[in-house]
Amino acid sequence: MLILAFDTATAVATSALVDGDEVLGERVSRAQTLLEDVDALLRQAGAHPSDLDLLAVGLGPGSFTGVRIGLATARGLALSLDLPGAGVSTLAALAAGAPGALPVVDAKRREVFTLVDGEPRVLTPQELPLDGAPCIGDGAKRYRSLLEERGAVVPADDDERHLPRARFHAALAGEPGSVDELEPLYLRVPDAERNLR
């Protein structure tokens, strides 16, 4: 099964083309260049868009705009190529890339997104349940000094475990369905909506 996977929920977008257990290609860039990355992945693998069997897309949590870019791209590709899709939590993919680590995604507003007992949550960095496991992700990098003061281990900024690599989205993709039915995982009201209140 040829899977195109991507996640644009964080400041760094990641995409991958996976055939079964084999990663045919992977790219790290920005959400704005996602379609260019998809084109490059397909050409690199000698594949055509019609060869794709499934889309695996990151649902967040993360940047509201980033999540929307990923879902809109998935919907456009699914419509034009008649493809099913599967949604994957950005936090779950991040955790899959670093087993035993605590995924921490920067949520802005001096908060982070993380997993608590396997469930996605939004917390302040001071509320993170640190249990000696390394903290990974852009939120861990942003709040490194605070987390390290609390005894956490945060790998070097260039450590790949900080990225929610798309290869893990492909591995975690569940039962395929309609991409139109995929819902973003926001965990809180978007800034624009909050400012209207």
C-alpha atoms as a PDB file:
ATOM      1  CA  MET A   1       0.000   0.000   0.000  1.00  0.00           C
ATOM      2  CA  LEU A   2       1.500   3.334  -1.103  1.00  0.00           C
ATOM      3  CA  ILE A   3       0.828   5.969   1.574  1.00  0.00           C
ATOM      4  CA  LEU A   4       1.416   9.689   1.312  1.00  0.00           C
ATOM      5  CA  ALA A   5       1.703  11.058   4.839  1.00  0.00           C
ATOM      6  CA  PHE A   6       2.151  14.634   6.014  1.00  0.00           C
ATOM      7  CA  ASP A   7       1.795  16.898   9.029  1.00  0.00           C
ATOM      8  CA  THR A   8       1.764  20.689   9.009  1.00  0.00           C
ATOM      9  CA  ALA A   9       0.651  21.313  12.614  1.00  0.00           C
ATOM     10  CA  THR A  10       4.008  22.613  13.847  1.00  0.00           C
ATOM     11  CA  ALA A  11       6.432  25.212  12.499  1.00  0.00           C
ATOM     12  CA  VAL A  12       8.227  22.391  10.662  1.00  0.00           C
ATOM     13  CA  ALA A  13       6.131  20.458   8.140  1.00  0.00           C
ATOM     14  CA  THR A  14       7.038  16.870   7.379  1.00  0.00           C
ATOM     15  CA  SER A  15       5.944  14.604   4.547  1.00  0.00           C
ATOM     16  CA  ALA A  16       6.763  11.040   3.561  1.00  0.00           C
ATOM     17  CA  LEU A  17       5.997   8.477   0.906  1.00  0.00           C
ATOM     18  CA  VAL A  18       5.778   4.996   2.408  1.00  0.00           C
ATOM     19  CA  ASP A  19       5.245   1.633   0.713  1.00  0.00           C
ATOM     20  CA  GLY A  20       4.394  -0.948   3.359  1.00  0.00           C
ATOM     21  CA  ASP A  21       7.252  -0.743   5.871  1.00  0.00           C
ATOM     22  CA  GLU A  22       9.639   0.957   3.437  1.00  0.00           C
ATOM     23  CA  VAL A  23      10.096   4.724   3.551  1.00  0.00           C
ATOM     24  CA  LEU A  24      10.614   5.727  -0.092  1.00  0.00           C
ATOM     25  CA  GLY A  25      11.299   9.355   0.757  1.00  0.00           C
ATOM     26  CA  GLU A  26      10.818  11.941   3.434  1.00  0.00           C
ATOM     27  CA  ARG A  27      11.006  15.724   3.458  1.00  0.00           C
ATOM     28  CA  VAL A  28      11.098  18.385   6.146  1.00  0.00           C
ATOM     29  CA  SER A  29      10.149  21.941   5.203  1.00  0.00           C
ATOM     30  CA  ARG A  30       7.260  24.349   5.867  1.00  0.00           C
ATOM     31  CA  ALA A  31       3.506  24.053   5.393  1.00  0.00           C
ATOM     32  CA  GLN A  32       3.636  26.560   2.521  1.00  0.00           C
ATOM     33  CA  THR A  33       5.718  24.161   0.393  1.00  0.00           C
ATOM     34  CA  LEU A  34       3.749  20.985   1.133  1.00  0.00           C
ATOM     35  CA  LEU A  35       2.532  20.413  -2.458  1.00  0.00           C
ATOM     36  CA  GLU A  36       6.057  20.967  -3.794  1.00  0.00           C
ATOM     37  CA  ASP A  37       7.290  18.374  -1.293  1.00  0.00           C
ATOM     38  CA  VAL A  38       4.600  15.907  -2.364  1.00  0.00           C
ATOM     39  CA  ASP A  39       5.572  16.369  -6.012  1.00  0.00           C
ATOM     40  CA  ALA A  40       9.268  15.874  -5.172  1.00  0.00           C
ATOM     41  CA  LEU A  41       8.540  12.715  -3.155  1.00  0.00           C
ATOM     42  CA  LEU A  42       6.525  11.167  -5.979  1.00  0.00           C
ATOM     43  CA  ARG A  43       9.166  12.011  -8.593  1.00  0.00           C
ATOM     44  CA  GLN A  44      11.963  10.710  -6.367  1.00  0.00           C
ATOM     45  CA  ALA A  45      10.141   7.382  -6.028  1.00  0.00           C
ATOM     46  CA  GLY A  46       9.206   7.237  -9.727  1.00  0.00           C
ATOM     47  CA  ALA A  47       5.546   7.194  -8.726  1.00  0.00           C
ATOM     48  CA  HIS A  48       2.509   8.965 -10.120  1.00  0.00           C
ATOM     49  CA  PRO A  49      -0.235  10.511  -7.959  1.00  0.00           C
ATOM     50  CA  SER A  50      -2.650   7.858  -9.270  1.00  0.00           C
ATOM     51  CA  ASP A  51      -0.407   5.188  -7.653  1.00  0.00           C
ATOM     52  CA  LEU A  52      -1.324   6.413  -4.169  1.00  0.00           C
ATOM     53  CA  ASP A  53      -3.586   4.230  -2.032  1.00  0.00           C
ATOM     54  CA  LEU A  54      -4.014   6.308   1.120  1.00  0.00           C
ATOM     55  CA  LEU A  55      -3.405   9.721   2.678  1.00  0.00           C
ATOM     56  CA  ALA A  56      -2.296   9.874   6.321  1.00  0.00           C
ATOM     57  CA  VAL A  57      -2.647  13.423   7.625  1.00  0.00           C
ATOM     58  CA  GLY A  58      -1.695  15.035  10.918  1.00  0.00           C
ATOM     59  CA  LEU A  59      -4.739  16.381  12.752  1.00  0.00           C
ATOM     60  CA  GLY A  60      -2.862  18.419  15.349  1.00  0.00           C
ATOM     61  CA  PRO A  61      -2.886  19.757  17.928  1.00  0.00           C
ATOM     62  CA  GLY A  62      -0.660  22.591  16.844  1.00  0.00           C
ATOM     63  CA  SER A  63      -0.903  25.788  14.877  1.00  0.00           C
ATOM     64  CA  PHE A  64      -4.504  26.486  13.847  1.00  0.00           C
ATOM     65  CA  THR A  65      -3.362  27.676  10.414  1.00  0.00           C
ATOM     66  CA  GLY A  66      -0.922  24.800   9.996  1.00  0.00           C
ATOM     67  CA  VAL A  67      -3.547  22.179  10.816  1.00  0.00           C
ATOM     68  CA  ARG A  68      -5.993  23.806   8.372  1.00  0.00           C
ATOM     69  CA  ILE A  69      -3.355  23.830   5.600  1.00  0.00           C
ATOM     70  CA  GLY A  70      -2.754  20.114   6.089  1.00  0.00           C
ATOM     71  CA  LEU A  71      -6.452  19.221   6.106  1.00  0.00           C
ATOM     72  CA  ALA A  72      -7.239  21.440   3.122  1.00  0.00           C
ATOM     73  CA  THR A  73      -4.393  19.868   1.161  1.00  0.00           C
ATOM     74  CA  ALA A  74      -5.568  16.383   2.103  1.00  0.00           C
ATOM     75  CA  ARG A  75      -9.126  17.203   1.034  1.00  0.00           C
ATOM     76  CA  GLY A  76      -7.968  18.598  -2.304  1.00  0.00           C
ATOM     77  CA  LEU A  77      -5.765  15.574  -3.019  1.00  0.00           C
ATOM     78  CA  ALA A  78      -8.468  13.132  -1.906  1.00  0.00           C
ATOM     79  CA  LEU A  79     -11.060  14.784  -4.126  1.00  0.00           C
ATOM     80  CA  SER A  80      -8.854  14.984  -7.204  1.00  0.00           C
ATOM     81  CA  LEU A  81      -7.362  11.483  -6.821  1.00  0.00           C
ATOM     82  CA  ASP A  82     -10.378   9.719  -5.253  1.00  0.00           C
ATOM     83  CA  LEU A  83      -8.313   8.669  -2.231  1.00  0.00           C
ATOM     84  CA  PRO A  84      -9.323   7.620   1.274  1.00  0.00           C
ATOM     85  CA  GLY A  85      -7.539   9.072   4.268  1.00  0.00           C
ATOM     86  CA  ALA A  86      -6.722   8.477   7.902  1.00  0.00           C
ATOM     87  CA  GLY A  87      -6.091  11.112  10.536  1.00  0.00           C
ATOM     88  CA  VAL A  88      -3.248  10.812  13.027  1.00  0.00           C
ATOM     89  CA  SER A  89      -2.567  12.888  16.125  1.00  0.00           C
ATOM     90  CA  THR A  90       0.583  14.975  15.802  1.00  0.00           C
ATOM     91  CA  LEU A  91       1.385  14.091  19.423  1.00  0.00           C
ATOM     92  CA  ALA A  92       1.000  10.361  18.770  1.00  0.00           C
ATOM     93  CA  ALA A  93       3.336  10.561  15.762  1.00  0.00           C
ATOM     94  CA  LEU A  94       5.875  12.540  17.769  1.00  0.00           C
ATOM     95  CA  ALA A  95       5.717   9.953  20.578  1.00  0.00           C
ATOM     96  CA  ALA A  96       6.075   7.074  18.075  1.00  0.00           C
ATOM     97  CA  GLY A  97       9.346   8.577  16.864  1.00  0.00           C
ATOM     98  CA  ALA A  98      10.796   8.556  20.376  1.00  0.00           C
ATOM     99  CA  PRO A  99       9.305   5.706  22.438  1.00  0.00           C
ATOM    100  CA  GLY A 100       9.228   6.504  26.129  1.00  0.00           C
ATOM    101  CA  ALA A 101       9.552  10.268  25.592  1.00  0.00           C
ATOM    102  CA  LEU A 102       6.961  12.897  26.480  1.00  0.00           C
ATOM    103  CA  PRO A 103       5.790  14.796  23.367  1.00  0.00           C
ATOM    104  CA  VAL A 104       5.587  18.556  23.955  1.00  0.00           C
ATOM    105  CA  VAL A 105       4.290  20.811  21.159  1.00  0.00           C
ATOM    106  CA  ASP A 106       4.412  24.590  21.539  1.00  0.00           C
ATOM    107  CA  ALA A 107       0.816  25.830  21.882  1.00  0.00           C
ATOM    108  CA  LYS A 108       1.781  29.533  22.120  1.00  0.00           C
ATOM    109  CA  ARG A 109       0.083  31.594  24.873  1.00  0.00           C
ATOM    110  CA  ARG A 110       2.744  30.151  27.271  1.00  0.00           C
ATOM    111  CA  GLU A 111       1.135  26.709  26.967  1.00  0.00           C
ATOM    112  CA  VAL A 112       2.036  23.345  25.447  1.00  0.00           C
ATOM    113  CA  PHE A 113       0.163  20.421  23.965  1.00  0.00           C
ATOM    114  CA  THR A 114       1.106  17.013  25.364  1.00  0.00           C
ATOM    115  CA  LEU A 115      -0.207  13.549  26.184  1.00  0.00           C
ATOM    116  CA  VAL A 116      -1.386  12.736  29.708  1.00  0.00           C
ATOM    117  CA  ASP A 117      -2.279   9.080  30.173  1.00  0.00           C
ATOM    118  CA  GLY A 118      -2.421   8.807  26.383  1.00  0.00           C
ATOM    119  CA  GLU A 119      -4.909  11.666  26.021  1.00  0.00           C
ATOM    120  CA  PRO A 120      -4.059  15.007  24.352  1.00  0.00           C
ATOM    121  CA  ARG A 121      -4.063  17.960  26.743  1.00  0.00           C
ATOM    122  CA  VAL A 122      -3.120  21.635  26.826  1.00  0.00           C
ATOM    123  CA  LEU A 123      -1.081  22.645  29.886  1.00  0.00           C
ATOM    124  CA  THR A 124       1.400  25.226  31.034  1.00  0.00           C
ATOM    125  CA  PRO A 125       5.019  24.000  30.954  1.00  0.00           C
ATOM    126  CA  GLN A 126       4.954  24.055  34.774  1.00  0.00           C
ATOM    127  CA  GLU A 127       2.041  21.562  34.760  1.00  0.00           C
ATOM    128  CA  LEU A 128       3.767  18.971  32.560  1.00  0.00           C
ATOM    129  CA  PRO A 129       3.835  15.571  34.270  1.00  0.00           C
ATOM    130  CA  LEU A 130       7.584  14.964  34.228  1.00  0.00           C
ATOM    131  CA  ASP A 131       8.544  11.430  35.208  1.00  0.00           C
ATOM    132  CA  GLY A 132      12.152  11.238  34.084  1.00  0.00           C
ATOM    133  CA  ALA A 133      11.308  10.579  30.436  1.00  0.00           C
ATOM    134  CA  PRO A 134      12.955  12.870  27.877  1.00  0.00           C
ATOM    135  CA  CYS A 135      10.778  15.751  26.645  1.00  0.00           C
ATOM    136  CA  ILE A 136      10.718  16.115  22.849  1.00  0.00           C
ATOM    137  CA  GLY A 137       9.119  18.479  20.356  1.00  0.00           C
ATOM    138  CA  ASP A 138       9.235  22.182  19.592  1.00  0.00           C
ATOM    139  CA  GLY A 139       7.591  22.952  22.952  1.00  0.00           C
ATOM    140  CA  ALA A 140      10.357  21.094  24.788  1.00  0.00           C
ATOM    141  CA  LYS A 141      12.930  23.120  22.874  1.00  0.00           C
ATOM    142  CA  ARG A 142      11.142  26.407  23.575  1.00  0.00           C
ATOM    143  CA  TYR A 143      10.818  25.722  27.316  1.00  0.00           C
ATOM    144  CA  ARG A 144      14.134  23.861  27.649  1.00  0.00           C
ATOM    145  CA  SER A 145      15.507  25.862  30.593  1.00  0.00           C
ATOM    146  CA  LEU A 146      12.273  25.644  32.585  1.00  0.00           C
ATOM    147  CA  LEU A 147      11.940  21.904  31.929  1.00  0.00           C
ATOM    148  CA  GLU A 148      15.578  21.213  32.723  1.00  0.00           C
ATOM    149  CA  GLU A 149      15.215  23.187  35.987  1.00  0.00           C
ATOM    150  CA  ARG A 150      12.406  20.755  36.830  1.00  0.00           C
ATOM    151  CA  GLY A 151      14.745  17.809  36.144  1.00  0.00           C
ATOM    152  CA  ALA A 152      13.635  16.932  32.605  1.00  0.00           C
ATOM    153  CA  VAL A 153      16.030  15.824  29.902  1.00  0.00           C
ATOM    154  CA  VAL A 154      15.598  17.684  26.604  1.00  0.00           C
ATOM    155  CA  PRO A 155      17.671  16.374  23.660  1.00  0.00           C
ATOM    156  CA  ALA A 156      19.745  18.811  21.592  1.00  0.00           C
ATOM    157  CA  ASP A 157      17.758  21.169  19.352  1.00  0.00           C
ATOM    158  CA  ASP A 158      18.927  19.384  16.182  1.00  0.00           C
ATOM    159  CA  ASP A 159      17.852  15.943  17.450  1.00  0.00           C
ATOM    160  CA  GLU A 160      15.349  14.456  14.951  1.00  0.00           C
ATOM    161  CA  ARG A 161      13.175  13.186  17.813  1.00  0.00           C
ATOM    162  CA  HIS A 162      11.828  16.753  18.075  1.00  0.00           C
ATOM    163  CA  LEU A 163      10.042  16.336  14.706  1.00  0.00           C
ATOM    164  CA  PRO A 164       6.650  14.637  14.246  1.00  0.00           C
ATOM    165  CA  ARG A 165       8.078  12.652  11.282  1.00  0.00           C
ATOM    166  CA  ALA A 166       5.465  11.742   8.675  1.00  0.00           C
ATOM    167  CA  ARG A 167       6.785   8.167   8.427  1.00  0.00           C
ATOM    168  CA  PHE A 168       5.177   7.596  11.835  1.00  0.00           C
ATOM    169  CA  HIS A 169       1.866   9.023  10.606  1.00  0.00           C
ATOM    170  CA  ALA A 170       1.890   6.340   7.918  1.00  0.00           C
ATOM    171  CA  ALA A 171       2.641   3.647  10.505  1.00  0.00           C
ATOM    172  CA  LEU A 172      -0.122   4.879  12.840  1.00  0.00           C
ATOM    173  CA  ALA A 173      -2.790   5.373  10.148  1.00  0.00           C
ATOM    174  CA  GLY A 174      -5.940   3.576  11.175  1.00  0.00           C
ATOM    175  CA  GLU A 175      -8.873   2.444   9.118  1.00  0.00           C
ATOM    176  CA  PRO A 176      -9.197   4.517   5.932  1.00  0.00           C
ATOM    177  CA  GLY A 177     -12.264   6.641   5.443  1.00  0.00           C
ATOM    178  CA  SER A 178     -13.446   9.813   3.800  1.00  0.00           C
ATOM    179  CA  VAL A 179     -10.965  12.665   4.191  1.00  0.00           C
ATOM    180  CA  ASP A 180     -13.956  15.033   4.421  1.00  0.00           C
ATOM    181  CA  GLU A 181     -14.839  13.412   7.741  1.00  0.00           C
ATOM    182  CA  LEU A 182     -11.446  14.079   9.352  1.00  0.00           C
ATOM    183  CA  GLU A 183     -11.717  16.633  12.143  1.00  0.00           C
ATOM    184  CA  PRO A 184      -8.859  18.808  13.397  1.00  0.00           C
ATOM    185  CA  LEU A 185      -7.672  18.305  16.963  1.00  0.00           C
ATOM    186  CA  TYR A 186      -7.469  21.837  18.368  1.00  0.00           C
ATOM    187  CA  LEU A 187      -7.908  21.316  22.159  1.00  0.00           C
ATOM    188  CA  ARG A 188      -8.887  24.964  22.588  1.00  0.00           C
ATOM    189  CA  VAL A 189     -10.688  27.803  20.815  1.00  0.00           C
ATOM    190  CA  PRO A 190      -8.656  29.360  17.954  1.00  0.00           C
ATOM    191  CA  ASP A 191      -7.166  32.821  18.641  1.00  0.00           C
ATOM    192  CA  ALA A 192      -9.375  34.506  16.027  1.00  0.00           C
ATOM    193  CA  GLU A 193     -12.544  33.133  17.611  1.00  0.00           C
ATOM    194  CA  ARG A 194     -11.293  33.938  21.120  1.00  0.00           C
ATOM    195  CA  ASN A 195     -10.634  37.567  20.127  1.00  0.00           C
ATOM    196  CA  LEU A 196     -14.260  37.981  18.974  1.00  0.00           C
ATOM    197  CA  ARG A 197     -15.598  37.312  22.463  1.00  0.00           C
END
